[in-house]
Amino acid sequence: MGERTRFHPGDKAPNNGIYIEVGENAVHMGVENPKRVELKKGDKLPDNENGDRVWVMETKRNSH
């Protein structure tokens, strides 16, 4: 079993990096003007703009 890829507000960041909010059920559709935060390992993820969103670590593949 691999590392989790979706995180909820209050979860701790597993790694240093930039996290972006995405739709919980439609990650491929994206979110207009998603929140982006830079966190250190162990920092808590902030609240989302919408309760149906989750945080994912930004990668080159999903960066804008």
PDB file of N, CA and C in Angstrom:
ATOM      1  N   MET A   1       0.849  -1.181   0.000  1.00  0.00           N
ATOM      2  CA  MET A   1       0.000   0.000   0.000  1.00  0.00           C
ATOM      3  C   MET A   1       0.891   1.240   0.000  1.00  0.00           C
ATOM      4  N   GLY A   2       0.600   2.192  -0.875  1.00  0.00           N
ATOM      5  CA  GLY A   2       1.416   3.388  -1.009  1.00  0.00           C
ATOM      6  C   GLY A   2       0.983   4.507  -0.081  1.00  0.00           C
ATOM      7  N   GLU A   3       1.665   5.605  -0.216  1.00  0.00           N
ATOM      8  CA  GLU A   3       1.372   6.790   0.576  1.00  0.00           C
ATOM      9  C   GLU A   3       0.067   7.422   0.097  1.00  0.00           C
ATOM     10  N   ARG A   4      -0.690   7.977   1.047  1.00  0.00           N
ATOM     11  CA  ARG A   4      -1.935   8.661   0.678  1.00  0.00           C
ATOM     12  C   ARG A   4      -1.628   9.841  -0.228  1.00  0.00           C
ATOM     13  N   THR A   5      -2.567  10.163  -1.108  1.00  0.00           N
ATOM     14  CA  THR A   5      -2.358  11.292  -2.014  1.00  0.00           C
ATOM     15  C   THR A   5      -3.373  12.409  -1.807  1.00  0.00           C
ATOM     16  N   ARG A   6      -4.454  12.133  -1.101  1.00  0.00           N
ATOM     17  CA  ARG A   6      -5.486  13.146  -0.833  1.00  0.00           C
ATOM     18  C   ARG A   6      -5.537  13.405   0.663  1.00  0.00           C
ATOM     19  N   PHE A   7      -5.628  14.689   1.008  1.00  0.00           N
ATOM     20  CA  PHE A   7      -5.590  15.075   2.410  1.00  0.00           C
ATOM     21  C   PHE A   7      -6.721  16.044   2.716  1.00  0.00           C
ATOM     22  N   HIS A   8      -7.168  16.025   3.951  1.00  0.00           N
ATOM     23  CA  HIS A   8      -8.258  16.883   4.406  1.00  0.00           C
ATOM     24  C   HIS A   8      -7.711  17.960   5.338  1.00  0.00           C
ATOM     25  N   PRO A   9      -8.450  19.073   5.501  1.00  0.00           N
ATOM     26  CA  PRO A   9      -8.012  20.119   6.414  1.00  0.00           C
ATOM     27  C   PRO A   9      -7.699  19.530   7.790  1.00  0.00           C
ATOM     28  N   GLY A  10      -6.580  19.961   8.362  1.00  0.00           N
ATOM     29  CA  GLY A  10      -6.164  19.465   9.673  1.00  0.00           C
ATOM     30  C   GLY A  10      -5.203  18.291   9.597  1.00  0.00           C
ATOM     31  N   ASP A  11      -5.159  17.598   8.446  1.00  0.00           N
ATOM     32  CA  ASP A  11      -4.168  16.529   8.266  1.00  0.00           C
ATOM     33  C   ASP A  11      -2.779  17.161   8.249  1.00  0.00           C
ATOM     34  N   LYS A  12      -1.771  16.364   8.592  1.00  0.00           N
ATOM     35  CA  LYS A  12      -0.396  16.852   8.551  1.00  0.00           C
ATOM     36  C   LYS A  12       0.225  16.536   7.197  1.00  0.00           C
ATOM     37  N   ALA A  13       0.965  17.507   6.671  1.00  0.00           N
ATOM     38  CA  ALA A  13       1.648  17.315   5.386  1.00  0.00           C
ATOM     39  C   ALA A  13       2.716  16.236   5.550  1.00  0.00           C
ATOM     40  N   PRO A  14       2.714  15.219   4.687  1.00  0.00           N
ATOM     41  CA  PRO A  14       3.699  14.149   4.808  1.00  0.00           C
ATOM     42  C   PRO A  14       5.089  14.549   4.313  1.00  0.00           C
ATOM     43  N   ASN A  15       5.159  15.580   3.480  1.00  0.00           N
ATOM     44  CA  ASN A  15       6.432  16.020   2.894  1.00  0.00           C
ATOM     45  C   ASN A  15       6.428  17.527   2.703  1.00  0.00           C
ATOM     46  N   ASN A  16       7.617  18.106   2.575  1.00  0.00           N
ATOM     47  CA  ASN A  16       7.725  19.513   2.206  1.00  0.00           C
ATOM     48  C   ASN A  16       7.203  19.671   0.788  1.00  0.00           C
ATOM     49  N   GLY A  17       6.504  20.769   0.520  1.00  0.00           N
ATOM     50  CA  GLY A  17       6.057  21.010  -0.845  1.00  0.00           C
ATOM     51  C   GLY A  17       4.874  21.934  -0.922  1.00  0.00           C
ATOM     52  N   ILE A  18       4.379  22.091  -2.129  1.00  0.00           N
ATOM     53  CA  ILE A  18       3.212  22.930  -2.388  1.00  0.00           C
ATOM     54  C   ILE A  18       2.004  22.018  -2.525  1.00  0.00           C
ATOM     55  N   TYR A  19       0.936  22.376  -1.830  1.00  0.00           N
ATOM     56  CA  TYR A  19      -0.301  21.606  -1.858  1.00  0.00           C
ATOM     57  C   TYR A  19      -1.383  22.471  -2.479  1.00  0.00           C
ATOM     58  N   ILE A  20      -2.217  21.862  -3.321  1.00  0.00           N
ATOM     59  CA  ILE A  20      -3.306  22.585  -3.972  1.00  0.00           C
ATOM     60  C   ILE A  20      -4.624  21.889  -3.658  1.00  0.00           C
ATOM     61  N   GLU A  21      -5.708  22.668  -3.669  1.00  0.00           N
ATOM     62  CA  GLU A  21      -7.011  22.055  -3.421  1.00  0.00           C
ATOM     63  C   GLU A  21      -7.619  21.609  -4.739  1.00  0.00           C
ATOM     64  N   VAL A  22      -8.265  20.447  -4.691  1.00  0.00           N
ATOM     65  CA  VAL A  22      -8.919  19.870  -5.866  1.00  0.00           C
ATOM     66  C   VAL A  22     -10.284  19.362  -5.445  1.00  0.00           C
ATOM     67  N   GLY A  23     -11.160  19.141  -6.425  1.00  0.00           N
ATOM     68  CA  GLY A  23     -12.467  18.565  -6.140  1.00  0.00           C
ATOM     69  C   GLY A  23     -12.320  17.127  -5.681  1.00  0.00           C
ATOM     70  N   GLU A  24     -13.048  16.743  -4.648  1.00  0.00           N
ATOM     71  CA  GLU A  24     -12.915  15.396  -4.082  1.00  0.00           C
ATOM     72  C   GLU A  24     -13.301  14.315  -5.078  1.00  0.00           C
ATOM     73  N   ASN A  25     -14.340  14.556  -5.867  1.00  0.00           N
ATOM     74  CA  ASN A  25     -14.824  13.530  -6.786  1.00  0.00           C
ATOM     75  C   ASN A  25     -14.413  13.743  -8.231  1.00  0.00           C
ATOM     76  N   ALA A  26     -13.869  14.895  -8.547  1.00  0.00           N
ATOM     77  CA  ALA A  26     -13.545  15.183  -9.945  1.00  0.00           C
ATOM     78  C   ALA A  26     -12.172  15.837 -10.058  1.00  0.00           C
ATOM     79  N   VAL A  27     -11.149  15.124  -9.627  1.00  0.00           N
ATOM     80  CA  VAL A  27      -9.799  15.682  -9.650  1.00  0.00           C
ATOM     81  C   VAL A  27      -9.395  16.096 -11.061  1.00  0.00           C
ATOM     82  N   HIS A  28      -9.782  15.322 -12.062  1.00  0.00           N
ATOM     83  CA  HIS A  28      -9.387  15.616 -13.440  1.00  0.00           C
ATOM     84  C   HIS A  28     -10.041  16.875 -14.001  1.00  0.00           C
ATOM     85  N   MET A  29     -11.150  17.332 -13.411  1.00  0.00           N
ATOM     86  CA  MET A  29     -11.837  18.527 -13.913  1.00  0.00           C
ATOM     87  C   MET A  29     -11.218  19.807 -13.375  1.00  0.00           C
ATOM     88  N   GLY A  30     -10.549  19.723 -12.256  1.00  0.00           N
ATOM     89  CA  GLY A  30      -9.892  20.884 -11.690  1.00  0.00           C
ATOM     90  C   GLY A  30     -10.838  21.808 -10.943  1.00  0.00           C
ATOM     91  N   VAL A  31     -10.249  22.799 -10.295  1.00  0.00           N
ATOM     92  CA  VAL A  31     -10.973  23.794  -9.518  1.00  0.00           C
ATOM     93  C   VAL A  31     -10.538  25.152 -10.046  1.00  0.00           C
ATOM     94  N   GLU A  32     -11.489  26.040 -10.274  1.00  0.00           N
ATOM     95  CA  GLU A  32     -11.153  27.378 -10.738  1.00  0.00           C
ATOM     96  C   GLU A  32     -10.477  28.139  -9.606  1.00  0.00           C
ATOM     97  N   ASN A  33      -9.311  28.690  -9.869  1.00  0.00           N
ATOM     98  CA  ASN A  33      -8.522  29.430  -8.878  1.00  0.00           C
ATOM     99  C   ASN A  33      -8.321  28.638  -7.582  1.00  0.00           C
ATOM    100  N   PRO A  34      -7.683  27.475  -7.648  1.00  0.00           N
ATOM    101  CA  PRO A  34      -7.486  26.676  -6.434  1.00  0.00           C
ATOM    102  C   PRO A  34      -6.528  27.354  -5.462  1.00  0.00           C
ATOM    103  N   LYS A  35      -6.753  27.120  -4.188  1.00  0.00           N
ATOM    104  CA  LYS A  35      -5.851  27.605  -3.155  1.00  0.00           C
ATOM    105  C   LYS A  35      -4.558  26.811  -3.256  1.00  0.00           C
ATOM    106  N   ARG A  36      -3.422  27.471  -3.076  1.00  0.00           N
ATOM    107  CA  ARG A  36      -2.110  26.812  -3.070  1.00  0.00           C
ATOM    108  C   ARG A  36      -1.382  27.252  -1.815  1.00  0.00           C
ATOM    109  N   VAL A  37      -0.814  26.297  -1.097  1.00  0.00           N
ATOM    110  CA  VAL A  37      -0.058  26.621   0.110  1.00  0.00           C
ATOM    111  C   VAL A  37       1.256  25.853   0.103  1.00  0.00           C
ATOM    112  N   GLU A  38       2.304  26.495   0.600  1.00  0.00           N
ATOM    113  CA  GLU A  38       3.592  25.814   0.733  1.00  0.00           C
ATOM    114  C   GLU A  38       3.739  25.406   2.188  1.00  0.00           C
ATOM    115  N   LEU A  39       3.961  24.120   2.412  1.00  0.00           N
ATOM    116  CA  LEU A  39       4.045  23.583   3.762  1.00  0.00           C
ATOM    117  C   LEU A  39       5.321  22.786   3.955  1.00  0.00           C
ATOM    118  N   LYS A  40       5.731  22.696   5.203  1.00  0.00           N
ATOM    119  CA  LYS A  40       6.845  21.834   5.597  1.00  0.00           C
ATOM    120  C   LYS A  40       6.254  20.542   6.135  1.00  0.00           C
ATOM    121  N   LYS A  41       7.026  19.482   6.096  1.00  0.00           N
ATOM    122  CA  LYS A  41       6.586  18.194   6.623  1.00  0.00           C
ATOM    123  C   LYS A  41       6.093  18.380   8.054  1.00  0.00           C
ATOM    124  N   GLY A  42       4.879  17.899   8.341  1.00  0.00           N
ATOM    125  CA  GLY A  42       4.304  17.994   9.678  1.00  0.00           C
ATOM    126  C   GLY A  42       3.379  19.180   9.889  1.00  0.00           C
ATOM    127  N   ASP A  43       3.420  20.185   8.987  1.00  0.00           N
ATOM    128  CA  ASP A  43       2.497  21.324   9.091  1.00  0.00           C
ATOM    129  C   ASP A  43       1.075  20.838   8.816  1.00  0.00           C
ATOM    130  N   LYS A  44       0.106  21.487   9.465  1.00  0.00           N
ATOM    131  CA  LYS A  44      -1.294  21.121   9.232  1.00  0.00           C
ATOM    132  C   LYS A  44      -1.835  21.829   7.998  1.00  0.00           C
ATOM    133  N   LEU A  45      -2.624  21.081   7.228  1.00  0.00           N
ATOM    134  CA  LEU A  45      -3.262  21.658   6.044  1.00  0.00           C
ATOM    135  C   LEU A  45      -4.407  22.568   6.479  1.00  0.00           C
ATOM    136  N   PRO A  46      -4.535  23.746   5.842  1.00  0.00           N
ATOM    137  CA  PRO A  46      -5.590  24.695   6.219  1.00  0.00           C
ATOM    138  C   PRO A  46      -6.963  24.270   5.703  1.00  0.00           C
ATOM    139  N   ASP A  47      -7.980  25.036   6.108  1.00  0.00           N
ATOM    140  CA  ASP A  47      -9.340  24.792   5.623  1.00  0.00           C
ATOM    141  C   ASP A  47      -9.408  25.045   4.119  1.00  0.00           C
ATOM    142  N   ASN A  48     -10.337  24.345   3.469  1.00  0.00           N
ATOM    143  CA  ASN A  48     -10.577  24.536   2.038  1.00  0.00           C
ATOM    144  C   ASN A  48     -11.643  25.605   1.847  1.00  0.00           C
ATOM    145  N   GLU A  49     -11.722  26.132   0.625  1.00  0.00           N
ATOM    146  CA  GLU A  49     -12.750  27.110   0.282  1.00  0.00           C
ATOM    147  C   GLU A  49     -14.130  26.468   0.261  1.00  0.00           C
ATOM    148  N   ASN A  50     -14.174  25.156   0.021  1.00  0.00           N
ATOM    149  CA  ASN A  50     -15.427  24.438  -0.139  1.00  0.00           C
ATOM    150  C   ASN A  50     -15.260  23.083   0.542  1.00  0.00           C
ATOM    151  N   GLY A  51     -16.267  22.628   1.263  1.00  0.00           N
ATOM    152  CA  GLY A  51     -16.187  21.370   1.995  1.00  0.00           C
ATOM    153  C   GLY A  51     -16.027  20.134   1.137  1.00  0.00           C
ATOM    154  N   ASP A  52     -16.287  20.254  -0.174  1.00  0.00           N
ATOM    155  CA  ASP A  52     -16.158  19.106  -1.074  1.00  0.00           C
ATOM    156  C   ASP A  52     -14.779  19.026  -1.720  1.00  0.00           C
ATOM    157  N   ARG A  53     -13.821  19.754  -1.193  1.00  0.00           N
ATOM    158  CA  ARG A  53     -12.480  19.760  -1.769  1.00  0.00           C
ATOM    159  C   ARG A  53     -11.486  19.090  -0.829  1.00  0.00           C
ATOM    160  N   VAL A  54     -10.408  18.602  -1.414  1.00  0.00           N
ATOM    161  CA  VAL A  54      -9.324  17.975  -0.660  1.00  0.00           C
ATOM    162  C   VAL A  54      -8.011  18.587  -1.135  1.00  0.00           C
ATOM    163  N   TRP A  55      -6.940  18.312  -0.419  1.00  0.00           N
ATOM    164  CA  TRP A  55      -5.613  18.790  -0.772  1.00  0.00           C
ATOM    165  C   TRP A  55      -4.814  17.678  -1.427  1.00  0.00           C
ATOM    166  N   VAL A  56      -4.026  18.013  -2.435  1.00  0.00           N
ATOM    167  CA  VAL A  56      -3.064  17.087  -3.036  1.00  0.00           C
ATOM    168  C   VAL A  56      -1.742  17.834  -3.177  1.00  0.00           C
ATOM    169  N   MET A  57      -0.650  17.077  -3.144  1.00  0.00           N
ATOM    170  CA  MET A  57       0.654  17.700  -3.331  1.00  0.00           C
ATOM    171  C   MET A  57       0.820  18.016  -4.808  1.00  0.00           C
ATOM    172  N   GLU A  58       1.221  19.243  -5.094  1.00  0.00           N
ATOM    173  CA  GLU A  58       1.403  19.658  -6.483  1.00  0.00           C
ATOM    174  C   GLU A  58       2.632  18.970  -7.069  1.00  0.00           C
ATOM    175  N   THR A  59       2.482  18.462  -8.272  1.00  0.00           N
ATOM    176  CA  THR A  59       3.593  17.852  -9.003  1.00  0.00           C
ATOM    177  C   THR A  59       3.720  18.570 -10.330  1.00  0.00           C
ATOM    178  N   LYS A  60       4.775  18.310 -11.042  1.00  0.00           N
ATOM    179  CA  LYS A  60       4.925  18.930 -12.361  1.00  0.00           C
ATOM    180  C   LYS A  60       3.769  18.543 -13.265  1.00  0.00           C
ATOM    181  N   ARG A  61       3.217  17.364 -13.054  1.00  0.00           N
ATOM    182  CA  ARG A  61       2.115  16.866 -13.872  1.00  0.00           C
ATOM    183  C   ARG A  61       0.834  17.672 -13.661  1.00  0.00           C
ATOM    184  N   ASN A  62       0.552  18.121 -12.415  1.00  0.00           N
ATOM    185  CA  ASN A  62      -0.705  18.831 -12.178  1.00  0.00           C
ATOM    186  C   ASN A  62      -0.504  20.305 -11.845  1.00  0.00           C
ATOM    187  N   SER A  63       0.679  20.848 -12.117  1.00  0.00           N
ATOM    188  CA  SER A  63       0.894  22.269 -11.856  1.00  0.00           C
ATOM    189  C   SER A  63       0.355  23.093 -13.016  1.00  0.00           C
ATOM    190  N   HIS A  64       0.049  24.351 -12.740  1.00  0.00           N
ATOM    191  CA  HIS A  64      -0.551  25.223 -13.764  1.00  0.00           C
ATOM    192  C   HIS A  64       0.469  26.208 -14.235  1.00  0.00           C
TER     193      HIS A  64
END
